[in-house]
Amino acid sequence: MSRVFRLEPGRGARRAETGDGSALGAPRAQGVVVAGYLAPHPPHLIYADNPPQNEPSSTGGWEVLRWAYEDVRRRVRALAPDVLVVHAPHWITMVGHHVNCVPRPRGLSVEPIFPHLFRYHYDFRTDVELAEAMVRQFEASGLVTRAMREPEVRVDYATIGALHMVNPRWDIPVVSISANNNPYFYAEAELGQMEVLGRATREAIERTGRRAVLLASNSLSHLHFDRENELPEDMAREYPYSNDQYRADMRLLETVRRKPSSALRTAIPEHIAASEAETKSGSLTWLLAALDWPDVTGDVLGYGTIIGTGNAVVEWRPNRGADDG
């Protein structure tokens, strides 16, 4: 269905012309995407972490995944990015790709299914210049696009979850992008459109001279239990929803670990066909396209289940060593 809302490049796009007649103006010193992370967002991770921003408290749980995120935090600090860019499957926009251009989003994000686990008070800065550049670049690439400028719109928990787990200090500016589909209704996302979105994201980063880290905020297999334990963080009751779902995740992660990222062009659709996958949201395809499908393997930092769903924390570094400073 998302195909209905695709424009041909140059048709219907609002051009932000400058004095030289170009859509986006002359580029600065070229920016770069230094790393991309698969950064799953289940609210249980923040609940288990017990940050001061989250009202509920826990006794812990899901430690392997949280340890993986501790590793990500150290890596991101070493990379010293100017901005974190996140694509999240729970900011669902049925018409077009939306970009949050609110300078300082503040509010309370509540997970609608697990409000007893996730009531998070957020307050962060948007890189407005980059956000607006993305809006223009997406439009110039033929994508139906909207700038979200309403400060009262609540930021979704998938955006907050990935950003908190990667940078709980919230001291790096952010750009957040919506998911122009609903993975719970459609059998398969318009992954081709996500390739266009990823390329346009990279082009906007390069034009604005940013040093960026990208986050794909999605789980892998996504079937989950429909009954909660009396103690939500009871790890004795945490295991894959089914062996089939688990095996589908392992096949995908073996491809991530052993083959260059281009192999995932076919592996991701195969994973979608084999499991109830949140990769249908397109976040992972967007991430790899923004990285230009680098000829590197992914570094799987951790895998674990959360109420039966499969979740992996993975890093891709297209220029390992060259961009470390």
C-alpha atoms as a PDB file:
ATOM      1  CA  MET A   1       0.000   0.000   0.000  1.00  0.00           C
ATOM      2  CA  SER A   2       2.870   2.379   0.630  1.00  0.00           C
ATOM      3  CA  ARG A   3       3.626   2.242  -3.102  1.00  0.00           C
ATOM      4  CA  VAL A   4       0.599   4.474  -3.704  1.00  0.00           C
ATOM      5  CA  PHE A   5       2.391   7.341  -1.983  1.00  0.00           C
ATOM      6  CA  ARG A   6       5.595   7.282  -4.021  1.00  0.00           C
ATOM      7  CA  LEU A   7       6.353  10.225  -6.304  1.00  0.00           C
ATOM      8  CA  GLU A   8       8.664  10.175  -9.270  1.00  0.00           C
ATOM      9  CA  PRO A   9      11.804  12.219  -8.547  1.00  0.00           C
ATOM     10  CA  GLY A  10      11.179  15.879  -9.189  1.00  0.00           C
ATOM     11  CA  ARG A  11       7.373  15.562  -9.429  1.00  0.00           C
ATOM     12  CA  GLY A  12       5.339  17.261  -6.734  1.00  0.00           C
ATOM     13  CA  ALA A  13       8.357  17.888  -4.524  1.00  0.00           C
ATOM     14  CA  ARG A  14       8.721  21.271  -2.874  1.00  0.00           C
ATOM     15  CA  ARG A  15      12.128  22.513  -3.975  1.00  0.00           C
ATOM     16  CA  ALA A  16      14.056  24.657  -1.486  1.00  0.00           C
ATOM     17  CA  GLU A  17      16.010  26.515  -4.138  1.00  0.00           C
ATOM     18  CA  THR A  18      19.021  28.655  -3.384  1.00  0.00           C
ATOM     19  CA  GLY A  19      20.799  31.315  -5.378  1.00  0.00           C
ATOM     20  CA  ASP A  20      22.468  28.752  -7.661  1.00  0.00           C
ATOM     21  CA  GLY A  21      19.127  27.150  -8.583  1.00  0.00           C
ATOM     22  CA  SER A  22      19.904  23.836  -6.895  1.00  0.00           C
ATOM     23  CA  ALA A  23      17.429  22.012  -4.685  1.00  0.00           C
ATOM     24  CA  LEU A  24      19.647  21.891  -1.617  1.00  0.00           C
ATOM     25  CA  GLY A  25      22.464  24.322  -2.199  1.00  0.00           C
ATOM     26  CA  ALA A  26      26.185  23.731  -2.452  1.00  0.00           C
ATOM     27  CA  PRO A  27      27.530  21.015  -0.134  1.00  0.00           C
ATOM     28  CA  ARG A  28      29.828  21.815   2.749  1.00  0.00           C
ATOM     29  CA  ALA A  29      32.782  19.672   3.716  1.00  0.00           C
ATOM     30  CA  GLN A  30      31.267  16.274   3.125  1.00  0.00           C
ATOM     31  CA  GLY A  31      29.654  14.552   6.057  1.00  0.00           C
ATOM     32  CA  VAL A  32      29.871  10.830   6.723  1.00  0.00           C
ATOM     33  CA  VAL A  33      27.919   7.986   8.262  1.00  0.00           C
ATOM     34  CA  VAL A  34      30.515   6.460  10.580  1.00  0.00           C
ATOM     35  CA  ALA A  35      28.475   3.513  11.871  1.00  0.00           C
ATOM     36  CA  GLY A  36      25.069   1.920  11.904  1.00  0.00           C
ATOM     37  CA  TYR A  37      23.460  -0.165  14.639  1.00  0.00           C
ATOM     38  CA  LEU A  38      20.559  -2.538  14.747  1.00  0.00           C
ATOM     39  CA  ALA A  39      19.117  -1.234  18.014  1.00  0.00           C
ATOM     40  CA  PRO A  40      16.003  -3.086  19.231  1.00  0.00           C
ATOM     41  CA  HIS A  41      13.575  -1.120  21.320  1.00  0.00           C
ATOM     42  CA  PRO A  42      11.410  -3.415  23.534  1.00  0.00           C
ATOM     43  CA  PRO A  43      10.298  -1.349  26.530  1.00  0.00           C
ATOM     44  CA  HIS A  44      11.473  -4.121  28.874  1.00  0.00           C
ATOM     45  CA  LEU A  45      15.089  -3.031  28.297  1.00  0.00           C
ATOM     46  CA  ILE A  46      14.509   0.440  29.696  1.00  0.00           C
ATOM     47  CA  TYR A  47      12.337  -1.000  32.463  1.00  0.00           C
ATOM     48  CA  ALA A  48      15.198  -3.347  33.411  1.00  0.00           C
ATOM     49  CA  ASP A  49      17.757  -0.515  33.261  1.00  0.00           C
ATOM     50  CA  ASN A  50      15.888   1.578  35.859  1.00  0.00           C
ATOM     51  CA  PRO A  51      16.798   5.030  34.507  1.00  0.00           C
ATOM     52  CA  PRO A  52      15.486   8.032  36.447  1.00  0.00           C
ATOM     53  CA  GLN A  53      13.359   9.132  33.454  1.00  0.00           C
ATOM     54  CA  ASN A  54      11.212   5.979  33.618  1.00  0.00           C
ATOM     55  CA  GLU A  55       8.531   5.877  36.315  1.00  0.00           C
ATOM     56  CA  PRO A  56       8.293   2.064  36.815  1.00  0.00           C
ATOM     57  CA  SER A  57      11.164   0.212  38.481  1.00  0.00           C
ATOM     58  CA  SER A  58      12.421  -3.356  38.197  1.00  0.00           C
ATOM     59  CA  THR A  59      14.872  -5.850  39.645  1.00  0.00           C
ATOM     60  CA  GLY A  60      16.741  -6.085  36.339  1.00  0.00           C
ATOM     61  CA  GLY A  61      16.606  -8.735  33.633  1.00  0.00           C
ATOM     62  CA  TRP A  62      17.607  -9.210  29.983  1.00  0.00           C
ATOM     63  CA  GLU A  63      21.213  -8.590  31.001  1.00  0.00           C
ATOM     64  CA  VAL A  64      22.887  -9.997  27.873  1.00  0.00           C
ATOM     65  CA  LEU A  65      21.115  -7.488  25.644  1.00  0.00           C
ATOM     66  CA  ARG A  66      21.739  -4.664  28.108  1.00  0.00           C
ATOM     67  CA  TRP A  67      25.442  -5.574  28.261  1.00  0.00           C
ATOM     68  CA  ALA A  68      25.516  -5.423  24.457  1.00  0.00           C
ATOM     69  CA  TYR A  69      24.129  -1.906  24.657  1.00  0.00           C
ATOM     70  CA  GLU A  70      26.816  -0.967  27.177  1.00  0.00           C
ATOM     71  CA  ASP A  71      29.330  -1.976  24.500  1.00  0.00           C
ATOM     72  CA  VAL A  72      27.484   0.153  21.939  1.00  0.00           C
ATOM     73  CA  ARG A  73      27.648   3.159  24.267  1.00  0.00           C
ATOM     74  CA  ARG A  74      31.424   2.848  24.548  1.00  0.00           C
ATOM     75  CA  ARG A  75      31.765   2.495  20.779  1.00  0.00           C
ATOM     76  CA  VAL A  76      29.544   5.484  20.048  1.00  0.00           C
ATOM     77  CA  ARG A  77      31.490   7.623  22.528  1.00  0.00           C
ATOM     78  CA  ALA A  78      34.707   6.694  20.725  1.00  0.00           C
ATOM     79  CA  LEU A  79      33.170   7.607  17.355  1.00  0.00           C
ATOM     80  CA  ALA A  80      32.169  11.086  18.637  1.00  0.00           C
ATOM     81  CA  PRO A  81      29.216  11.637  16.289  1.00  0.00           C
ATOM     82  CA  ASP A  82      27.511  14.979  15.771  1.00  0.00           C
ATOM     83  CA  VAL A  83      24.085  13.358  15.533  1.00  0.00           C
ATOM     84  CA  LEU A  84      22.144  10.128  16.044  1.00  0.00           C
ATOM     85  CA  VAL A  85      19.607   9.367  13.306  1.00  0.00           C
ATOM     86  CA  VAL A  86      16.912   6.811  14.159  1.00  0.00           C
ATOM     87  CA  HIS A  87      14.250   5.080  12.061  1.00  0.00           C
ATOM     88  CA  ALA A  88      11.551   3.553  14.270  1.00  0.00           C
ATOM     89  CA  PRO A  89       8.713   1.155  13.328  1.00  0.00           C
ATOM     90  CA  HIS A  90       6.282   2.480  15.955  1.00  0.00           C
ATOM     91  CA  TRP A  91       6.145   6.016  14.629  1.00  0.00           C
ATOM     92  CA  ILE A  92       3.774   4.781  11.939  1.00  0.00           C
ATOM     93  CA  THR A  93       2.741   7.233   9.223  1.00  0.00           C
ATOM     94  CA  MET A  94       0.369   5.824   6.635  1.00  0.00           C
ATOM     95  CA  VAL A  95       0.990   8.632   4.135  1.00  0.00           C
ATOM     96  CA  GLY A  96       4.598   9.565   3.554  1.00  0.00           C
ATOM     97  CA  HIS A  97       7.821   9.658   5.527  1.00  0.00           C
ATOM     98  CA  HIS A  98       7.809  12.151   8.377  1.00  0.00           C
ATOM     99  CA  VAL A  99      10.841  13.787   9.991  1.00  0.00           C
ATOM    100  CA  ASN A 100      10.702  15.261  13.488  1.00  0.00           C
ATOM    101  CA  CYS A 101      11.760  18.908  13.135  1.00  0.00           C
ATOM    102  CA  VAL A 102      10.733  20.014  16.646  1.00  0.00           C
ATOM    103  CA  PRO A 103      13.829  21.709  18.141  1.00  0.00           C
ATOM    104  CA  ARG A 104      13.403  20.300  21.646  1.00  0.00           C
ATOM    105  CA  PRO A 105      10.902  17.463  22.041  1.00  0.00           C
ATOM    106  CA  ARG A 106       9.760  17.088  25.646  1.00  0.00           C
ATOM    107  CA  GLY A 107       7.039  14.985  27.188  1.00  0.00           C
ATOM    108  CA  LEU A 108       5.958  11.613  28.522  1.00  0.00           C
ATOM    109  CA  SER A 109       6.184   8.581  26.239  1.00  0.00           C
ATOM    110  CA  VAL A 110       3.947   5.673  27.266  1.00  0.00           C
ATOM    111  CA  GLU A 111       4.051   2.200  25.745  1.00  0.00           C
ATOM    112  CA  PRO A 112       0.367   1.425  25.086  1.00  0.00           C
ATOM    113  CA  ILE A 113       0.579  -2.332  25.749  1.00  0.00           C
ATOM    114  CA  PHE A 114       3.026  -2.110  28.658  1.00  0.00           C
ATOM    115  CA  PRO A 115       2.259   1.181  30.428  1.00  0.00           C
ATOM    116  CA  HIS A 116       3.240  -0.469  33.717  1.00  0.00           C
ATOM    117  CA  LEU A 117       6.784  -0.924  32.299  1.00  0.00           C
ATOM    118  CA  PHE A 118       7.358   2.194  30.204  1.00  0.00           C
ATOM    119  CA  ARG A 119       6.340   5.719  31.218  1.00  0.00           C
ATOM    120  CA  TYR A 120       9.390   7.672  30.165  1.00  0.00           C
ATOM    121  CA  HIS A 121       9.944  11.419  30.562  1.00  0.00           C
ATOM    122  CA  TYR A 122      12.026  12.551  27.583  1.00  0.00           C
ATOM    123  CA  ASP A 123      13.768  15.836  26.826  1.00  0.00           C
ATOM    124  CA  PHE A 124      16.233  15.996  23.945  1.00  0.00           C
ATOM    125  CA  ARG A 125      17.554  18.196  21.163  1.00  0.00           C
ATOM    126  CA  THR A 126      16.839  17.775  17.466  1.00  0.00           C
ATOM    127  CA  ASP A 127      19.449  18.638  14.853  1.00  0.00           C
ATOM    128  CA  VAL A 128      16.934  20.849  13.071  1.00  0.00           C
ATOM    129  CA  GLU A 129      19.251  21.826  10.230  1.00  0.00           C
ATOM    130  CA  LEU A 130      19.849  18.176   9.327  1.00  0.00           C
ATOM    131  CA  ALA A 131      16.168  17.287   9.840  1.00  0.00           C
ATOM    132  CA  GLU A 132      15.064  20.017   7.424  1.00  0.00           C
ATOM    133  CA  ALA A 133      17.775  18.961   4.946  1.00  0.00           C
ATOM    134  CA  MET A 134      16.417  15.411   5.080  1.00  0.00           C
ATOM    135  CA  VAL A 135      12.909  16.638   4.335  1.00  0.00           C
ATOM    136  CA  ARG A 136      14.198  18.416   1.230  1.00  0.00           C
ATOM    137  CA  GLN A 137      16.372  15.494   0.139  1.00  0.00           C
ATOM    138  CA  PHE A 138      13.563  12.971   0.602  1.00  0.00           C
ATOM    139  CA  GLU A 139      11.263  15.135  -1.503  1.00  0.00           C
ATOM    140  CA  ALA A 140      13.927  15.582  -4.170  1.00  0.00           C
ATOM    141  CA  SER A 141      14.259  11.781  -4.267  1.00  0.00           C
ATOM    142  CA  GLY A 142      10.568  11.397  -5.057  1.00  0.00           C
ATOM    143  CA  LEU A 143       9.331  10.397  -1.620  1.00  0.00           C
ATOM    144  CA  VAL A 144       6.165  11.832  -0.119  1.00  0.00           C
ATOM    145  CA  THR A 145       7.558  13.620   2.917  1.00  0.00           C
ATOM    146  CA  ARG A 146       6.352  15.784   5.763  1.00  0.00           C
ATOM    147  CA  ALA A 147       8.192  17.835   8.370  1.00  0.00           C
ATOM    148  CA  MET A 148       6.632  17.237  11.787  1.00  0.00           C
ATOM    149  CA  ARG A 149       6.747  20.569  13.628  1.00  0.00           C
ATOM    150  CA  GLU A 150       4.011  20.100  16.250  1.00  0.00           C
ATOM    151  CA  PRO A 151       5.696  20.118  19.688  1.00  0.00           C
ATOM    152  CA  GLU A 152       2.737  18.445  21.419  1.00  0.00           C
ATOM    153  CA  VAL A 153       3.010  15.217  19.397  1.00  0.00           C
ATOM    154  CA  ARG A 154       4.223  12.464  21.719  1.00  0.00           C
ATOM    155  CA  VAL A 155       7.459  10.736  20.662  1.00  0.00           C
ATOM    156  CA  ASP A 156       6.909   6.991  20.274  1.00  0.00           C
ATOM    157  CA  TYR A 157       8.531   4.429  22.557  1.00  0.00           C
ATOM    158  CA  ALA A 158      10.556   2.751  19.775  1.00  0.00           C
ATOM    159  CA  THR A 159      12.344   6.020  19.037  1.00  0.00           C
ATOM    160  CA  ILE A 160      12.903   6.697  22.738  1.00  0.00           C
ATOM    161  CA  GLY A 161      13.914   3.103  23.476  1.00  0.00           C
ATOM    162  CA  ALA A 162      16.699   2.901  20.903  1.00  0.00           C
ATOM    163  CA  LEU A 163      18.020   6.391  21.668  1.00  0.00           C
ATOM    164  CA  HIS A 164      18.083   5.830  25.427  1.00  0.00           C
ATOM    165  CA  MET A 165      19.791   2.449  25.199  1.00  0.00           C
ATOM    166  CA  VAL A 166      22.501   3.857  22.901  1.00  0.00           C
ATOM    167  CA  ASN A 167      22.957   7.221  24.659  1.00  0.00           C
ATOM    168  CA  PRO A 168      21.284   7.482  28.082  1.00  0.00           C
ATOM    169  CA  ARG A 169      23.035  10.831  28.625  1.00  0.00           C
ATOM    170  CA  TRP A 170      20.946  12.357  25.802  1.00  0.00           C
ATOM    171  CA  ASP A 171      23.812  14.741  25.027  1.00  0.00           C
ATOM    172  CA  ILE A 172      23.972  14.072  21.267  1.00  0.00           C
ATOM    173  CA  PRO A 173      21.436  15.770  18.965  1.00  0.00           C
ATOM    174  CA  VAL A 174      18.890  13.554  17.259  1.00  0.00           C
ATOM    175  CA  VAL A 175      16.938  13.228  14.019  1.00  0.00           C
ATOM    176  CA  SER A 176      14.031  10.775  14.034  1.00  0.00           C
ATOM    177  CA  ILE A 177      12.257   9.372  10.962  1.00  0.00           C
ATOM    178  CA  SER A 178       8.873   7.670  10.809  1.00  0.00           C
ATOM    179  CA  ALA A 179       7.973   4.295   9.294  1.00  0.00           C
ATOM    180  CA  ASN A 180       5.757   4.791   6.235  1.00  0.00           C
ATOM    181  CA  ASN A 181       4.027   1.414   6.626  1.00  0.00           C
ATOM    182  CA  ASN A 182       2.475  -0.799   9.253  1.00  0.00           C
ATOM    183  CA  PRO A 183       4.340  -4.100   9.688  1.00  0.00           C
ATOM    184  CA  TYR A 184       1.417  -5.507  11.644  1.00  0.00           C
ATOM    185  CA  PHE A 185      -0.953  -5.197   8.684  1.00  0.00           C
ATOM    186  CA  TYR A 186       1.143  -5.609   5.549  1.00  0.00           C
ATOM    187  CA  ALA A 187       2.710  -8.916   4.550  1.00  0.00           C
ATOM    188  CA  GLU A 188       5.824  -7.137   3.385  1.00  0.00           C
ATOM    189  CA  ALA A 189       7.228  -3.625   3.504  1.00  0.00           C
ATOM    190  CA  GLU A 190       8.113  -1.643   0.406  1.00  0.00           C
ATOM    191  CA  LEU A 191      11.799  -2.361   0.879  1.00  0.00           C
ATOM    192  CA  GLY A 192      12.673  -0.708  -2.433  1.00  0.00           C
ATOM    193  CA  GLN A 193      11.333   2.570  -1.088  1.00  0.00           C
ATOM    194  CA  MET A 194      13.429   2.105   2.041  1.00  0.00           C
ATOM    195  CA  GLU A 195      16.504   1.895  -0.182  1.00  0.00           C
ATOM    196  CA  VAL A 196      15.601   5.290  -1.632  1.00  0.00           C
ATOM    197  CA  LEU A 197      15.047   6.660   1.866  1.00  0.00           C
ATOM    198  CA  GLY A 198      18.423   5.329   3.012  1.00  0.00           C
ATOM    199  CA  ARG A 199      20.294   6.866   0.094  1.00  0.00           C
ATOM    200  CA  ALA A 200      18.546  10.196   0.616  1.00  0.00           C
ATOM    201  CA  THR A 201      19.426  10.074   4.327  1.00  0.00           C
ATOM    202  CA  ARG A 202      23.103   9.593   3.470  1.00  0.00           C
ATOM    203  CA  GLU A 203      23.017  12.404   0.915  1.00  0.00           C
ATOM    204  CA  ALA A 204      21.524  14.844   3.437  1.00  0.00           C
ATOM    205  CA  ILE A 205      24.185  13.896   5.989  1.00  0.00           C
ATOM    206  CA  GLU A 206      26.940  14.392   3.421  1.00  0.00           C
ATOM    207  CA  ARG A 207      25.562  17.777   2.311  1.00  0.00           C
ATOM    208  CA  THR A 208      25.285  19.123   5.846  1.00  0.00           C
ATOM    209  CA  GLY A 209      28.765  17.968   6.851  1.00  0.00           C
ATOM    210  CA  ARG A 210      27.544  15.846   9.737  1.00  0.00           C
ATOM    211  CA  ARG A 211      29.341  12.934  11.359  1.00  0.00           C
ATOM    212  CA  ALA A 212      26.414  10.580  11.954  1.00  0.00           C
ATOM    213  CA  VAL A 213      25.587   7.300  13.646  1.00  0.00           C
ATOM    214  CA  LEU A 214      22.399   5.588  12.447  1.00  0.00           C
ATOM    215  CA  LEU A 215      20.025   3.414  14.490  1.00  0.00           C
ATOM    216  CA  ALA A 216      17.544   0.908  13.073  1.00  0.00           C
ATOM    217  CA  SER A 217      15.111   0.451  15.943  1.00  0.00           C
ATOM    218  CA  ASN A 218      13.627  -2.952  15.298  1.00  0.00           C
ATOM    219  CA  SER A 219      13.506  -6.494  16.627  1.00  0.00           C
ATOM    220  CA  LEU A 220      13.932  -9.566  14.409  1.00  0.00           C
ATOM    221  CA  SER A 221      11.284 -12.282  14.864  1.00  0.00           C
ATOM    222  CA  HIS A 222       8.301 -10.646  16.487  1.00  0.00           C
ATOM    223  CA  LEU A 223       5.819 -13.231  17.712  1.00  0.00           C
ATOM    224  CA  HIS A 224       5.387 -12.737  21.437  1.00  0.00           C
ATOM    225  CA  PHE A 225       3.567 -14.333  24.333  1.00  0.00           C
ATOM    226  CA  ASP A 226       0.111 -13.011  25.188  1.00  0.00           C
ATOM    227  CA  ARG A 227       0.305 -13.633  28.940  1.00  0.00           C
ATOM    228  CA  GLU A 228       2.648 -11.724  31.201  1.00  0.00           C
ATOM    229  CA  ASN A 229       4.459 -13.247  34.155  1.00  0.00           C
ATOM    230  CA  GLU A 230       3.609 -12.025  37.634  1.00  0.00           C
ATOM    231  CA  LEU A 231       7.181 -10.707  37.740  1.00  0.00           C
ATOM    232  CA  PRO A 232       7.811  -9.304  34.230  1.00  0.00           C
ATOM    233  CA  GLU A 233      11.582  -9.714  34.594  1.00  0.00           C
ATOM    234  CA  ASP A 234      11.392 -13.424  35.557  1.00  0.00           C
ATOM    235  CA  MET A 235      14.166 -14.762  33.326  1.00  0.00           C
ATOM    236  CA  ALA A 236      13.228 -18.370  34.074  1.00  0.00           C
ATOM    237  CA  ARG A 237      10.253 -17.749  31.796  1.00  0.00           C
ATOM    238  CA  GLU A 238      12.112 -16.001  28.987  1.00  0.00           C
ATOM    239  CA  TYR A 239      12.719 -18.068  25.850  1.00  0.00           C
ATOM    240  CA  PRO A 240      11.996 -17.954  22.080  1.00  0.00           C
ATOM    241  CA  TYR A 241       8.357 -17.975  21.046  1.00  0.00           C
ATOM    242  CA  SER A 242       9.078 -20.990  18.843  1.00  0.00           C
ATOM    243  CA  ASN A 243      12.009 -22.896  17.436  1.00  0.00           C
ATOM    244  CA  ASP A 244      11.010 -21.834  13.913  1.00  0.00           C
ATOM    245  CA  GLN A 245      11.191 -18.157  14.847  1.00  0.00           C
ATOM    246  CA  TYR A 246      14.527 -18.649  16.589  1.00  0.00           C
ATOM    247  CA  ARG A 247      16.031 -20.551  13.639  1.00  0.00           C
ATOM    248  CA  ALA A 248      14.935 -17.829  11.221  1.00  0.00           C
ATOM    249  CA  ASP A 249      16.777 -15.285  13.373  1.00  0.00           C
ATOM    250  CA  MET A 250      19.897 -17.439  13.469  1.00  0.00           C
ATOM    251  CA  ARG A 251      19.944 -17.830   9.682  1.00  0.00           C
ATOM    252  CA  LEU A 252      19.772 -14.052   9.294  1.00  0.00           C
ATOM    253  CA  LEU A 253      22.481 -13.453  11.889  1.00  0.00           C
ATOM    254  CA  GLU A 254      24.776 -16.059  10.334  1.00  0.00           C
ATOM    255  CA  THR A 255      24.529 -14.044   7.113  1.00  0.00           C
ATOM    256  CA  VAL A 256      25.258 -10.854   9.062  1.00  0.00           C
ATOM    257  CA  ARG A 257      28.335 -12.428  10.699  1.00  0.00           C
ATOM    258  CA  ARG A 258      29.813 -14.203   7.695  1.00  0.00           C
ATOM    259  CA  LYS A 259      28.925 -12.253   4.561  1.00  0.00           C
ATOM    260  CA  PRO A 260      29.153  -8.657   3.335  1.00  0.00           C
ATOM    261  CA  SER A 261      26.066  -6.592   3.958  1.00  0.00           C
ATOM    262  CA  SER A 262      24.962  -6.867   0.300  1.00  0.00           C
ATOM    263  CA  ALA A 263      23.967 -10.478   1.035  1.00  0.00           C
ATOM    264  CA  LEU A 264      21.237  -9.089   3.257  1.00  0.00           C
ATOM    265  CA  ARG A 265      19.398  -7.734   0.211  1.00  0.00           C
ATOM    266  CA  THR A 266      18.056 -11.264  -0.213  1.00  0.00           C
ATOM    267  CA  ALA A 267      18.439 -12.469   3.386  1.00  0.00           C
ATOM    268  CA  ILE A 268      16.083  -9.824   4.818  1.00  0.00           C
ATOM    269  CA  PRO A 269      13.127 -10.721   2.536  1.00  0.00           C
ATOM    270  CA  GLU A 270      13.812 -14.399   3.257  1.00  0.00           C
ATOM    271  CA  HIS A 271      13.681 -13.646   6.977  1.00  0.00           C
ATOM    272  CA  ILE A 272      10.407 -11.771   6.534  1.00  0.00           C
ATOM    273  CA  ALA A 273       8.936 -14.768   4.686  1.00  0.00           C
ATOM    274  CA  ALA A 274      10.148 -17.230   7.333  1.00  0.00           C
ATOM    275  CA  SER A 275       9.119 -15.374  10.496  1.00  0.00           C
ATOM    276  CA  GLU A 276       6.761 -12.776  11.865  1.00  0.00           C
ATOM    277  CA  ALA A 277       9.524 -10.242  11.411  1.00  0.00           C
ATOM    278  CA  GLU A 278       9.687  -6.623  12.507  1.00  0.00           C
ATOM    279  CA  THR A 279      12.223  -6.172   9.708  1.00  0.00           C
ATOM    280  CA  LYS A 280       9.063  -5.636   7.620  1.00  0.00           C
ATOM    281  CA  SER A 281       9.101  -2.095   8.955  1.00  0.00           C
ATOM    282  CA  GLY A 282      12.063  -1.396   6.667  1.00  0.00           C
ATOM    283  CA  SER A 283      14.342   0.064   9.352  1.00  0.00           C
ATOM    284  CA  LEU A 284      17.191  -2.387   8.733  1.00  0.00           C
ATOM    285  CA  THR A 285      17.002  -1.965   4.953  1.00  0.00           C
ATOM    286  CA  TRP A 286      17.039   1.832   5.409  1.00  0.00           C
ATOM    287  CA  LEU A 287      20.114   1.535   7.646  1.00  0.00           C
ATOM    288  CA  LEU A 288      22.129  -0.615   5.234  1.00  0.00           C
ATOM    289  CA  ALA A 289      21.162   1.510   2.235  1.00  0.00           C
ATOM    290  CA  ALA A 290      22.261   4.638   4.125  1.00  0.00           C
ATOM    291  CA  LEU A 291      25.587   2.868   4.759  1.00  0.00           C
ATOM    292  CA  ASP A 292      25.704   2.116   0.999  1.00  0.00           C
ATOM    293  CA  TRP A 293      25.605  -1.652   1.633  1.00  0.00           C
ATOM    294  CA  PRO A 294      29.238  -1.748   2.823  1.00  0.00           C
ATOM    295  CA  ASP A 295      31.496  -4.649   1.916  1.00  0.00           C
ATOM    296  CA  VAL A 296      31.890  -5.644   5.571  1.00  0.00           C
ATOM    297  CA  THR A 297      30.324  -8.147   7.943  1.00  0.00           C
ATOM    298  CA  GLY A 298      28.253  -7.059  10.896  1.00  0.00           C
ATOM    299  CA  ASP A 299      29.481  -7.398  14.460  1.00  0.00           C
ATOM    300  CA  VAL A 300      26.770  -9.201  16.442  1.00  0.00           C
ATOM    301  CA  LEU A 301      27.185  -7.845  19.972  1.00  0.00           C
ATOM    302  CA  GLY A 302      24.302  -9.685  21.569  1.00  0.00           C
ATOM    303  CA  TYR A 303      21.102 -11.639  20.988  1.00  0.00           C
ATOM    304  CA  GLY A 304      18.250 -12.417  23.335  1.00  0.00           C
ATOM    305  CA  THR A 305      14.525 -12.871  23.533  1.00  0.00           C
ATOM    306  CA  ILE A 306      12.049 -10.479  25.137  1.00  0.00           C
ATOM    307  CA  ILE A 307       8.613 -11.994  25.786  1.00  0.00           C
ATOM    308  CA  GLY A 308       9.543 -14.453  23.042  1.00  0.00           C
ATOM    309  CA  THR A 309      10.619 -11.956  20.364  1.00  0.00           C
ATOM    310  CA  GLY A 310      14.128 -12.151  18.907  1.00  0.00           C
ATOM    311  CA  ASN A 311      16.386  -9.137  19.411  1.00  0.00           C
ATOM    312  CA  ALA A 312      19.934  -8.573  18.198  1.00  0.00           C
ATOM    313  CA  VAL A 313      22.314  -5.676  18.768  1.00  0.00           C
ATOM    314  CA  VAL A 314      24.574  -5.389  15.715  1.00  0.00           C
ATOM    315  CA  GLU A 315      27.185  -2.896  14.508  1.00  0.00           C
ATOM    316  CA  TRP A 316      28.242  -2.140  10.928  1.00  0.00           C
ATOM    317  CA  ARG A 317      31.333   0.033  10.440  1.00  0.00           C
ATOM    318  CA  PRO A 318      31.957   0.807   6.743  1.00  0.00           C
ATOM    319  CA  ASN A 319      35.316   2.511   7.328  1.00  0.00           C
ATOM    320  CA  ARG A 320      36.629   0.887  10.483  1.00  0.00           C
ATOM    321  CA  GLY A 321      39.869   2.601  11.517  1.00  0.00           C
ATOM    322  CA  ALA A 322      39.636   5.440   8.999  1.00  0.00           C
ATOM    323  CA  ASP A 323      36.813   7.232  10.837  1.00  0.00           C
ATOM    324  CA  ASP A 324      37.921   6.695  14.436  1.00  0.00           C
ATOM    325  CA  GLY A 325      38.438  10.304  15.251  1.00  0.00           C
END
